[in-house]
Amino acid sequence: MGMQWGGYQYPWSSAHVLAPLILGVVLLVAFGVWETHGAKYPMFPKRLRQDPRILGLTLVITFISGANFFSILMFWPTQAFNVYGHDPVGVGIRGLPVGFSILAGACIVLWLLSVLRGHNKELMIVSSILMTAGCGSLAVAERTNLSTLWGLLILAGLGIGGIVVPASIITTIICPDDLIATI
């Protein structure tokens, strides 16, 4: 709430803004301490850290790609409606490349994970490059170049799909069998 209110409804230095921000930070720290020292069954058991480098990198990559995934899912339909026409069917059709390319990216990279055993890192790097290039290149969007955006949306979707599902598979592989549901 402090982030929403700050600078708009209330000044950044007001109690309405500072109280939720400070309380939020304190509660996050308290949660971390509780999970580390107090919880009998923590949300993130210590045994998940069998391979901490791979787990940490996979979680970071998943977090960053999730931000791109969320932005595409939230902003593209809004842009497709407001910039390229208010027809609901047209908006749905303009959303098809995103959905199908995310599905295709996930399937392709999952297939490549089994074909190119041991090259998980390279597949994640290529998917990250595709996602970053595709999402970043959407900045060229104008009212007159929808046909250009089709290819860029497919490029972004292939990258997003190539990260989201395989990252889940990689974390499932490196975790202990009894904690797979936690992952």
N, C-alpha and C. Protein backbone atom coordinates (compact mmCIF):
# COMPACT_ATOMS: atom_id res chain seq x y z
N MET A 1 0.83 -1.19 0.00
CA MET A 1 0.00 0.00 0.00
C MET A 1 0.87 1.25 0.00
N GLY A 2 1.99 1.19 0.71
CA GLY A 2 2.87 2.34 0.75
C GLY A 2 3.40 2.70 -0.63
N MET A 3 3.70 1.68 -1.44
CA MET A 3 4.18 1.95 -2.81
C MET A 3 3.07 2.55 -3.67
N GLN A 4 1.85 2.14 -3.45
CA GLN A 4 0.72 2.68 -4.21
C GLN A 4 0.39 4.10 -3.79
N TRP A 5 0.48 4.38 -2.51
CA TRP A 5 0.09 5.68 -1.99
C TRP A 5 1.19 6.72 -2.14
N GLY A 6 2.45 6.28 -2.08
CA GLY A 6 3.57 7.21 -2.04
C GLY A 6 3.68 8.11 -3.25
N GLY A 7 3.66 9.41 -3.00
CA GLY A 7 3.82 10.39 -4.07
C GLY A 7 2.55 10.71 -4.82
N TYR A 8 1.49 9.95 -4.59
CA TYR A 8 0.23 10.20 -5.28
C TYR A 8 -0.83 10.70 -4.30
N GLN A 9 -1.29 9.81 -3.44
CA GLN A 9 -2.31 10.20 -2.48
C GLN A 9 -1.71 10.88 -1.26
N TYR A 10 -0.49 10.46 -0.88
CA TYR A 10 0.16 11.00 0.31
C TYR A 10 1.63 11.26 -0.01
N PRO A 11 2.26 12.20 0.69
CA PRO A 11 3.71 12.42 0.49
C PRO A 11 4.50 11.19 0.95
N TRP A 12 5.67 11.00 0.36
CA TRP A 12 6.50 9.85 0.70
C TRP A 12 6.90 9.85 2.18
N SER A 13 6.95 10.99 2.79
CA SER A 13 7.37 11.07 4.19
C SER A 13 6.22 10.94 5.17
N SER A 14 5.00 10.72 4.70
CA SER A 14 3.84 10.64 5.60
C SER A 14 3.75 9.27 6.26
N ALA A 15 3.04 9.21 7.37
CA ALA A 15 2.84 7.95 8.10
C ALA A 15 2.04 6.95 7.27
N HIS A 16 1.14 7.44 6.43
CA HIS A 16 0.34 6.55 5.58
C HIS A 16 1.22 5.74 4.63
N VAL A 17 2.34 6.31 4.24
CA VAL A 17 3.26 5.63 3.32
C VAL A 17 4.34 4.87 4.09
N LEU A 18 4.95 5.51 5.05
CA LEU A 18 6.08 4.89 5.76
C LEU A 18 5.66 3.69 6.61
N ALA A 19 4.51 3.75 7.25
CA ALA A 19 4.08 2.64 8.12
C ALA A 19 3.95 1.33 7.35
N PRO A 20 3.23 1.29 6.22
CA PRO A 20 3.16 0.00 5.49
C PRO A 20 4.51 -0.45 4.94
N LEU A 21 5.34 0.49 4.49
CA LEU A 21 6.65 0.11 3.96
C LEU A 21 7.54 -0.49 5.04
N ILE A 22 7.62 0.17 6.18
CA ILE A 22 8.46 -0.31 7.27
C ILE A 22 7.90 -1.63 7.82
N LEU A 23 6.60 -1.69 8.00
CA LEU A 23 5.97 -2.91 8.49
C LEU A 23 6.21 -4.08 7.52
N GLY A 24 6.14 -3.80 6.23
CA GLY A 24 6.39 -4.85 5.23
C GLY A 24 7.81 -5.38 5.31
N VAL A 25 8.80 -4.49 5.45
CA VAL A 25 10.20 -4.92 5.55
C VAL A 25 10.40 -5.74 6.82
N VAL A 26 9.85 -5.26 7.94
CA VAL A 26 9.99 -5.97 9.21
C VAL A 26 9.36 -7.36 9.11
N LEU A 27 8.18 -7.46 8.51
CA LEU A 27 7.51 -8.76 8.39
C LEU A 27 8.27 -9.70 7.45
N LEU A 28 8.89 -9.17 6.39
CA LEU A 28 9.70 -10.02 5.51
C LEU A 28 10.91 -10.58 6.25
N VAL A 29 11.57 -9.75 7.04
CA VAL A 29 12.72 -10.21 7.81
C VAL A 29 12.27 -11.24 8.85
N ALA A 30 11.15 -10.95 9.53
CA ALA A 30 10.62 -11.89 10.53
C ALA A 30 10.26 -13.22 9.90
N PHE A 31 9.69 -13.18 8.70
CA PHE A 31 9.35 -14.42 7.99
C PHE A 31 10.61 -15.22 7.69
N GLY A 32 11.67 -14.54 7.22
CA GLY A 32 12.92 -15.23 6.93
C GLY A 32 13.52 -15.88 8.16
N VAL A 33 13.49 -15.15 9.29
CA VAL A 33 14.02 -15.70 10.54
C VAL A 33 13.17 -16.90 10.99
N TRP A 34 11.86 -16.78 10.89
CA TRP A 34 10.97 -17.87 11.28
C TRP A 34 11.22 -19.11 10.41
N GLU A 35 11.31 -18.91 9.12
CA GLU A 35 11.54 -20.04 8.21
C GLU A 35 12.88 -20.71 8.48
N THR A 36 13.88 -19.92 8.84
CA THR A 36 15.22 -20.46 9.07
C THR A 36 15.34 -21.15 10.42
N HIS A 37 14.74 -20.57 11.46
CA HIS A 37 15.01 -21.06 12.80
C HIS A 37 13.78 -21.60 13.54
N GLY A 38 12.58 -21.22 13.17
CA GLY A 38 11.43 -21.57 13.98
C GLY A 38 10.48 -22.59 13.40
N ALA A 39 10.33 -22.64 12.10
CA ALA A 39 9.32 -23.50 11.49
C ALA A 39 9.72 -24.96 11.54
N LYS A 40 8.80 -25.80 11.99
CA LYS A 40 9.06 -27.23 12.01
C LYS A 40 9.11 -27.79 10.58
N TYR A 41 8.19 -27.30 9.74
CA TYR A 41 8.15 -27.68 8.33
C TYR A 41 8.23 -26.42 7.48
N PRO A 42 9.44 -25.92 7.22
CA PRO A 42 9.56 -24.65 6.49
C PRO A 42 9.12 -24.78 5.03
N MET A 43 8.76 -23.65 4.44
CA MET A 43 8.34 -23.63 3.04
C MET A 43 9.50 -23.97 2.11
N PHE A 44 10.72 -23.67 2.55
CA PHE A 44 11.91 -23.92 1.76
C PHE A 44 12.88 -24.75 2.61
N PRO A 45 12.68 -26.07 2.65
CA PRO A 45 13.52 -26.93 3.49
C PRO A 45 15.00 -26.86 3.10
N LYS A 46 15.86 -26.99 4.07
CA LYS A 46 17.31 -26.91 3.83
C LYS A 46 17.80 -28.00 2.89
N ARG A 47 17.11 -29.12 2.86
CA ARG A 47 17.56 -30.22 1.98
C ARG A 47 17.38 -29.89 0.50
N LEU A 48 16.63 -28.83 0.17
CA LEU A 48 16.51 -28.43 -1.24
C LEU A 48 17.83 -27.87 -1.77
N ARG A 49 18.71 -27.50 -0.87
CA ARG A 49 19.97 -26.87 -1.27
C ARG A 49 21.07 -27.89 -1.54
N GLN A 50 20.72 -29.05 -2.09
CA GLN A 50 21.73 -30.06 -2.40
C GLN A 50 22.67 -29.56 -3.48
N ASP A 51 22.14 -28.85 -4.44
CA ASP A 51 22.95 -28.25 -5.49
C ASP A 51 22.59 -26.76 -5.53
N PRO A 52 23.14 -25.96 -4.60
CA PRO A 52 22.66 -24.60 -4.41
C PRO A 52 22.89 -23.69 -5.61
N ARG A 53 23.96 -23.90 -6.35
CA ARG A 53 24.23 -23.03 -7.50
C ARG A 53 23.16 -23.20 -8.58
N ILE A 54 22.89 -24.43 -8.95
CA ILE A 54 21.88 -24.69 -9.98
C ILE A 54 20.51 -24.24 -9.51
N LEU A 55 20.17 -24.55 -8.28
CA LEU A 55 18.88 -24.14 -7.74
C LEU A 55 18.75 -22.62 -7.71
N GLY A 56 19.77 -21.94 -7.22
CA GLY A 56 19.73 -20.48 -7.14
C GLY A 56 19.61 -19.84 -8.51
N LEU A 57 20.42 -20.30 -9.45
CA LEU A 57 20.36 -19.73 -10.80
C LEU A 57 19.01 -20.02 -11.47
N THR A 58 18.50 -21.22 -11.27
CA THR A 58 17.21 -21.56 -11.86
C THR A 58 16.10 -20.71 -11.26
N LEU A 59 16.15 -20.47 -9.96
CA LEU A 59 15.13 -19.63 -9.33
C LEU A 59 15.23 -18.18 -9.80
N VAL A 60 16.45 -17.67 -9.96
CA VAL A 60 16.62 -16.30 -10.45
C VAL A 60 16.12 -16.18 -11.88
N ILE A 61 16.50 -17.13 -12.72
CA ILE A 61 16.05 -17.11 -14.12
C ILE A 61 14.52 -17.22 -14.19
N THR A 62 13.94 -18.09 -13.37
CA THR A 62 12.49 -18.24 -13.35
C THR A 62 11.82 -16.96 -12.91
N PHE A 63 12.38 -16.29 -11.91
CA PHE A 63 11.82 -15.03 -11.43
C PHE A 63 11.84 -13.97 -12.53
N ILE A 64 12.98 -13.82 -13.19
CA ILE A 64 13.11 -12.80 -14.23
C ILE A 64 12.22 -13.14 -15.43
N SER A 65 12.23 -14.39 -15.85
CA SER A 65 11.38 -14.76 -16.98
C SER A 65 9.90 -14.67 -16.61
N GLY A 66 9.58 -14.91 -15.34
CA GLY A 66 8.20 -14.75 -14.90
C GLY A 66 7.74 -13.32 -15.01
N ALA A 67 8.65 -12.37 -14.76
CA ALA A 67 8.30 -10.96 -14.93
C ALA A 67 8.00 -10.66 -16.40
N ASN A 68 8.79 -11.21 -17.30
CA ASN A 68 8.51 -11.02 -18.73
C ASN A 68 7.22 -11.72 -19.14
N PHE A 69 7.03 -12.93 -18.64
CA PHE A 69 5.82 -13.69 -18.93
C PHE A 69 4.59 -12.91 -18.46
N PHE A 70 4.64 -12.39 -17.25
CA PHE A 70 3.53 -11.62 -16.70
C PHE A 70 3.29 -10.35 -17.52
N SER A 71 4.37 -9.67 -17.91
CA SER A 71 4.18 -8.43 -18.67
C SER A 71 3.57 -8.70 -20.04
N ILE A 72 3.98 -9.76 -20.69
CA ILE A 72 3.38 -10.11 -21.99
C ILE A 72 1.91 -10.47 -21.80
N LEU A 73 1.62 -11.27 -20.78
CA LEU A 73 0.23 -11.69 -20.56
C LEU A 73 -0.68 -10.54 -20.17
N MET A 74 -0.14 -9.54 -19.47
CA MET A 74 -0.97 -8.43 -19.01
C MET A 74 -1.02 -7.28 -20.01
N PHE A 75 0.12 -6.92 -20.59
CA PHE A 75 0.17 -5.72 -21.40
C PHE A 75 -0.18 -5.94 -22.86
N TRP A 76 0.14 -7.10 -23.41
CA TRP A 76 -0.16 -7.30 -24.82
C TRP A 76 -1.66 -7.27 -25.11
N PRO A 77 -2.51 -7.95 -24.36
CA PRO A 77 -3.95 -7.84 -24.66
C PRO A 77 -4.47 -6.41 -24.54
N THR A 78 -3.97 -5.67 -23.57
CA THR A 78 -4.38 -4.27 -23.42
C THR A 78 -3.94 -3.46 -24.62
N GLN A 79 -2.71 -3.67 -25.04
CA GLN A 79 -2.21 -2.96 -26.22
C GLN A 79 -2.95 -3.40 -27.47
N ALA A 80 -3.19 -4.69 -27.60
CA ALA A 80 -3.91 -5.19 -28.78
C ALA A 80 -5.32 -4.59 -28.85
N PHE A 81 -5.93 -4.33 -27.72
CA PHE A 81 -7.27 -3.75 -27.69
C PHE A 81 -7.23 -2.25 -27.93
N ASN A 82 -6.36 -1.54 -27.23
CA ASN A 82 -6.35 -0.08 -27.29
C ASN A 82 -5.68 0.49 -28.53
N VAL A 83 -4.70 -0.20 -29.07
CA VAL A 83 -3.94 0.35 -30.20
C VAL A 83 -4.42 -0.21 -31.53
N TYR A 84 -4.74 -1.50 -31.57
CA TYR A 84 -5.00 -2.15 -32.84
C TYR A 84 -6.47 -2.47 -33.10
N GLY A 85 -7.36 -2.03 -32.24
CA GLY A 85 -8.78 -2.22 -32.52
C GLY A 85 -9.54 -2.79 -31.34
N HIS A 86 -10.78 -2.37 -31.22
CA HIS A 86 -11.60 -2.74 -30.07
C HIS A 86 -12.48 -3.96 -30.32
N ASP A 87 -12.26 -4.63 -31.41
CA ASP A 87 -13.04 -5.84 -31.70
C ASP A 87 -12.56 -6.98 -30.81
N PRO A 88 -13.43 -7.56 -29.97
CA PRO A 88 -13.00 -8.63 -29.07
C PRO A 88 -12.43 -9.84 -29.80
N VAL A 89 -13.00 -10.20 -30.93
CA VAL A 89 -12.48 -11.34 -31.69
C VAL A 89 -11.08 -11.02 -32.22
N GLY A 90 -10.88 -9.81 -32.68
CA GLY A 90 -9.57 -9.39 -33.16
C GLY A 90 -8.52 -9.41 -32.06
N VAL A 91 -8.91 -8.99 -30.87
CA VAL A 91 -7.99 -9.02 -29.74
C VAL A 91 -7.61 -10.47 -29.42
N GLY A 92 -8.58 -11.36 -29.46
CA GLY A 92 -8.29 -12.78 -29.23
C GLY A 92 -7.36 -13.35 -30.27
N ILE A 93 -7.59 -13.00 -31.52
CA ILE A 93 -6.72 -13.49 -32.60
C ILE A 93 -5.32 -12.92 -32.45
N ARG A 94 -5.22 -11.65 -32.05
CA ARG A 94 -3.89 -11.05 -31.86
C ARG A 94 -3.16 -11.66 -30.66
N GLY A 95 -3.87 -12.34 -29.78
CA GLY A 95 -3.24 -13.01 -28.65
C GLY A 95 -2.78 -14.42 -28.94
N LEU A 96 -3.23 -14.98 -30.06
CA LEU A 96 -2.86 -16.37 -30.39
C LEU A 96 -1.36 -16.61 -30.54
N PRO A 97 -0.61 -15.70 -31.19
CA PRO A 97 0.82 -15.98 -31.32
C PRO A 97 1.53 -16.14 -29.99
N VAL A 98 1.10 -15.39 -28.99
CA VAL A 98 1.74 -15.47 -27.68
C VAL A 98 1.51 -16.85 -27.06
N GLY A 99 0.26 -17.26 -26.99
CA GLY A 99 -0.06 -18.54 -26.37
C GLY A 99 0.56 -19.72 -27.07
N PHE A 100 0.43 -19.76 -28.39
CA PHE A 100 0.98 -20.90 -29.13
C PHE A 100 2.50 -20.92 -29.12
N SER A 101 3.13 -19.75 -29.16
CA SER A 101 4.60 -19.75 -29.17
C SER A 101 5.17 -20.11 -27.80
N ILE A 102 4.48 -19.73 -26.71
CA ILE A 102 4.93 -20.16 -25.38
C ILE A 102 4.83 -21.68 -25.27
N LEU A 103 3.72 -22.23 -25.73
CA LEU A 103 3.55 -23.69 -25.73
C LEU A 103 4.61 -24.35 -26.60
N ALA A 104 4.83 -23.81 -27.79
CA ALA A 104 5.83 -24.38 -28.69
C ALA A 104 7.23 -24.29 -28.10
N GLY A 105 7.58 -23.14 -27.50
CA GLY A 105 8.90 -22.99 -26.88
C GLY A 105 9.13 -23.99 -25.78
N ALA A 106 8.10 -24.22 -24.95
CA ALA A 106 8.22 -25.20 -23.87
C ALA A 106 8.43 -26.60 -24.44
N CYS A 107 7.63 -26.96 -25.43
CA CYS A 107 7.73 -28.30 -26.03
C CYS A 107 9.08 -28.51 -26.71
N ILE A 108 9.53 -27.51 -27.45
CA ILE A 108 10.80 -27.64 -28.18
C ILE A 108 11.96 -27.81 -27.20
N VAL A 109 12.01 -26.96 -26.17
CA VAL A 109 13.13 -27.04 -25.23
C VAL A 109 13.04 -28.31 -24.39
N LEU A 110 11.85 -28.74 -24.03
CA LEU A 110 11.74 -30.01 -23.30
C LEU A 110 12.22 -31.17 -24.16
N TRP A 111 11.89 -31.16 -25.44
CA TRP A 111 12.38 -32.20 -26.34
C TRP A 111 13.90 -32.12 -26.46
N LEU A 112 14.43 -30.89 -26.59
CA LEU A 112 15.88 -30.73 -26.70
C LEU A 112 16.61 -31.11 -25.42
N LEU A 113 15.95 -30.97 -24.26
CA LEU A 113 16.58 -31.41 -23.01
C LEU A 113 16.86 -32.90 -23.03
N SER A 114 15.98 -33.67 -23.66
CA SER A 114 16.21 -35.12 -23.72
C SER A 114 17.14 -35.49 -24.87
N VAL A 115 17.15 -34.73 -25.94
CA VAL A 115 18.03 -35.02 -27.06
C VAL A 115 19.47 -34.58 -26.75
N LEU A 116 19.61 -33.40 -26.20
CA LEU A 116 20.94 -32.84 -25.92
C LEU A 116 21.25 -32.95 -24.43
N ARG A 117 21.30 -34.16 -23.93
CA ARG A 117 21.54 -34.37 -22.50
C ARG A 117 22.84 -33.68 -22.07
N GLY A 118 22.76 -32.99 -20.94
CA GLY A 118 23.93 -32.30 -20.43
C GLY A 118 24.10 -30.88 -20.93
N HIS A 119 23.20 -30.42 -21.77
CA HIS A 119 23.30 -29.06 -22.31
C HIS A 119 22.16 -28.18 -21.80
N ASN A 120 21.75 -28.41 -20.58
CA ASN A 120 20.66 -27.64 -19.99
C ASN A 120 21.00 -26.15 -19.93
N LYS A 121 22.23 -25.86 -19.52
CA LYS A 121 22.66 -24.47 -19.38
C LYS A 121 22.59 -23.73 -20.71
N GLU A 122 23.05 -24.37 -21.76
CA GLU A 122 23.03 -23.73 -23.07
C GLU A 122 21.60 -23.48 -23.56
N LEU A 123 20.72 -24.45 -23.30
CA LEU A 123 19.32 -24.27 -23.70
C LEU A 123 18.66 -23.13 -22.94
N MET A 124 18.98 -23.00 -21.66
CA MET A 124 18.44 -21.90 -20.88
C MET A 124 18.99 -20.56 -21.35
N ILE A 125 20.27 -20.54 -21.73
CA ILE A 125 20.88 -19.30 -22.23
C ILE A 125 20.22 -18.88 -23.54
N VAL A 126 20.04 -19.83 -24.45
CA VAL A 126 19.41 -19.51 -25.74
C VAL A 126 17.97 -19.04 -25.52
N SER A 127 17.25 -19.71 -24.63
CA SER A 127 15.87 -19.30 -24.34
C SER A 127 15.84 -17.90 -23.72
N SER A 128 16.79 -17.62 -22.84
CA SER A 128 16.86 -16.29 -22.22
C SER A 128 17.14 -15.21 -23.26
N ILE A 129 18.01 -15.53 -24.20
CA ILE A 129 18.32 -14.57 -25.27
C ILE A 129 17.08 -14.33 -26.13
N LEU A 130 16.39 -15.41 -26.50
CA LEU A 130 15.16 -15.25 -27.30
C LEU A 130 14.12 -14.42 -26.56
N MET A 131 13.93 -14.71 -25.29
CA MET A 131 12.94 -13.99 -24.50
C MET A 131 13.31 -12.51 -24.40
N THR A 132 14.57 -12.22 -24.08
CA THR A 132 15.00 -10.84 -23.92
C THR A 132 14.91 -10.08 -25.24
N ALA A 133 15.36 -10.71 -26.31
CA ALA A 133 15.30 -10.05 -27.62
C ALA A 133 13.85 -9.83 -28.05
N GLY A 134 13.01 -10.83 -27.86
CA GLY A 134 11.62 -10.70 -28.27
C GLY A 134 10.86 -9.67 -27.46
N CYS A 135 10.99 -9.74 -26.14
CA CYS A 135 10.26 -8.78 -25.29
C CYS A 135 10.79 -7.37 -25.48
N GLY A 136 12.10 -7.23 -25.57
CA GLY A 136 12.69 -5.90 -25.76
C GLY A 136 12.33 -5.29 -27.11
N SER A 137 12.27 -6.13 -28.12
CA SER A 137 11.98 -5.61 -29.46
C SER A 137 10.53 -5.17 -29.64
N LEU A 138 9.67 -5.53 -28.70
CA LEU A 138 8.28 -5.07 -28.78
C LEU A 138 8.17 -3.56 -28.59
N ALA A 139 9.26 -2.93 -28.20
CA ALA A 139 9.27 -1.47 -28.05
C ALA A 139 9.11 -0.76 -29.39
N VAL A 140 9.28 -1.48 -30.51
CA VAL A 140 9.11 -0.85 -31.82
C VAL A 140 7.65 -0.74 -32.24
N ALA A 141 6.75 -1.17 -31.37
CA ALA A 141 5.33 -1.20 -31.71
C ALA A 141 4.81 0.19 -32.05
N GLU A 142 4.10 0.26 -33.17
CA GLU A 142 3.40 1.46 -33.60
C GLU A 142 2.03 1.03 -34.12
N ARG A 143 1.19 1.97 -34.37
CA ARG A 143 -0.16 1.64 -34.86
C ARG A 143 -0.13 1.00 -36.23
N THR A 144 0.94 1.21 -36.97
CA THR A 144 0.96 0.76 -38.37
C THR A 144 1.79 -0.50 -38.60
N ASN A 145 2.42 -1.06 -37.58
CA ASN A 145 3.33 -2.20 -37.83
C ASN A 145 2.92 -3.47 -37.09
N LEU A 146 1.64 -3.77 -37.06
CA LEU A 146 1.17 -4.98 -36.39
C LEU A 146 1.79 -6.23 -37.00
N SER A 147 1.99 -6.24 -38.31
CA SER A 147 2.56 -7.43 -38.94
C SER A 147 3.99 -7.70 -38.45
N THR A 148 4.73 -6.68 -38.12
CA THR A 148 6.07 -6.85 -37.57
C THR A 148 6.00 -7.46 -36.17
N LEU A 149 5.00 -7.05 -35.41
CA LEU A 149 4.87 -7.52 -34.04
C LEU A 149 4.54 -9.00 -33.96
N TRP A 150 3.88 -9.55 -34.98
CA TRP A 150 3.57 -10.98 -34.95
C TRP A 150 4.84 -11.80 -34.75
N GLY A 151 5.85 -11.52 -35.55
CA GLY A 151 7.12 -12.26 -35.44
C GLY A 151 7.82 -12.02 -34.12
N LEU A 152 7.77 -10.77 -33.64
CA LEU A 152 8.42 -10.46 -32.37
C LEU A 152 7.71 -11.12 -31.19
N LEU A 153 6.38 -11.19 -31.26
CA LEU A 153 5.62 -11.88 -30.22
C LEU A 153 5.95 -13.37 -30.21
N ILE A 154 6.10 -13.95 -31.39
CA ILE A 154 6.46 -15.37 -31.48
C ILE A 154 7.86 -15.59 -30.90
N LEU A 155 8.79 -14.71 -31.23
CA LEU A 155 10.15 -14.80 -30.71
C LEU A 155 10.14 -14.72 -29.17
N ALA A 156 9.41 -13.75 -28.62
CA ALA A 156 9.32 -13.61 -27.16
C ALA A 156 8.66 -14.84 -26.54
N GLY A 157 7.59 -15.32 -27.14
CA GLY A 157 6.88 -16.47 -26.61
C GLY A 157 7.73 -17.73 -26.62
N LEU A 158 8.51 -17.94 -27.69
CA LEU A 158 9.39 -19.11 -27.74
C LEU A 158 10.41 -19.05 -26.60
N GLY A 159 10.95 -17.87 -26.34
CA GLY A 159 11.91 -17.72 -25.25
C GLY A 159 11.28 -17.94 -23.89
N ILE A 160 10.09 -17.35 -23.68
CA ILE A 160 9.41 -17.50 -22.40
C ILE A 160 9.06 -18.97 -22.16
N GLY A 161 8.48 -19.60 -23.15
CA GLY A 161 8.14 -21.02 -23.01
C GLY A 161 9.36 -21.89 -22.83
N GLY A 162 10.46 -21.50 -23.45
CA GLY A 162 11.70 -22.26 -23.34
C GLY A 162 12.36 -22.13 -21.98
N ILE A 163 11.89 -21.20 -21.16
CA ILE A 163 12.46 -21.03 -19.83
C ILE A 163 11.53 -21.57 -18.75
N VAL A 164 10.27 -21.20 -18.80
CA VAL A 164 9.35 -21.44 -17.69
C VAL A 164 9.20 -22.93 -17.37
N VAL A 165 8.83 -23.73 -18.34
CA VAL A 165 8.60 -25.15 -18.07
C VAL A 165 9.92 -25.91 -17.85
N PRO A 166 10.93 -25.74 -18.69
CA PRO A 166 12.19 -26.47 -18.44
C PRO A 166 12.84 -26.11 -17.11
N ALA A 167 12.72 -24.87 -16.66
CA ALA A 167 13.29 -24.51 -15.36
C ALA A 167 12.61 -25.30 -14.25
N SER A 168 11.31 -25.50 -14.38
CA SER A 168 10.59 -26.32 -13.41
C SER A 168 11.08 -27.76 -13.44
N ILE A 169 11.33 -28.27 -14.62
CA ILE A 169 11.83 -29.64 -14.76
C ILE A 169 13.22 -29.76 -14.15
N ILE A 170 14.08 -28.78 -14.40
CA ILE A 170 15.44 -28.82 -13.86
C ILE A 170 15.41 -28.81 -12.34
N THR A 171 14.60 -27.96 -11.74
CA THR A 171 14.53 -27.93 -10.28
C THR A 171 13.94 -29.23 -9.73
N THR A 172 13.03 -29.83 -10.46
CA THR A 172 12.47 -31.12 -10.03
C THR A 172 13.54 -32.21 -10.05
N ILE A 173 14.42 -32.16 -11.04
CA ILE A 173 15.47 -33.17 -11.17
C ILE A 173 16.48 -33.06 -10.03
N ILE A 174 16.83 -31.85 -9.62
CA ILE A 174 17.90 -31.69 -8.62
C ILE A 174 17.41 -31.76 -7.18
N CYS A 175 16.09 -31.85 -6.96
CA CYS A 175 15.60 -31.87 -5.58
C CYS A 175 15.43 -33.32 -5.11
N PRO A 176 15.45 -33.52 -3.77
CA PRO A 176 15.21 -34.86 -3.24
C PRO A 176 13.80 -35.34 -3.60
N ASP A 177 13.67 -36.64 -3.78
CA ASP A 177 12.39 -37.21 -4.24
C ASP A 177 11.22 -36.86 -3.33
N ASP A 178 11.43 -36.82 -2.02
CA ASP A 178 10.31 -36.55 -1.13
C ASP A 178 9.91 -35.08 -1.07
N LEU A 179 10.65 -34.19 -1.76
CA LEU A 179 10.32 -32.77 -1.76
C LEU A 179 9.88 -32.27 -3.13
N ILE A 180 9.56 -33.18 -4.05
CA ILE A 180 9.17 -32.76 -5.40
C ILE A 180 7.92 -31.89 -5.36
N ALA A 181 6.98 -32.17 -4.50
CA ALA A 181 5.77 -31.35 -4.40
C ALA A 181 6.11 -29.94 -3.92
N THR A 182 7.14 -29.79 -3.13
CA THR A 182 7.56 -28.47 -2.67
C THR A 182 8.09 -27.65 -3.84
N ILE A 183 8.84 -28.27 -4.71
CA ILE A 183 9.36 -27.58 -5.88
C ILE A 183 8.21 -27.21 -6.79
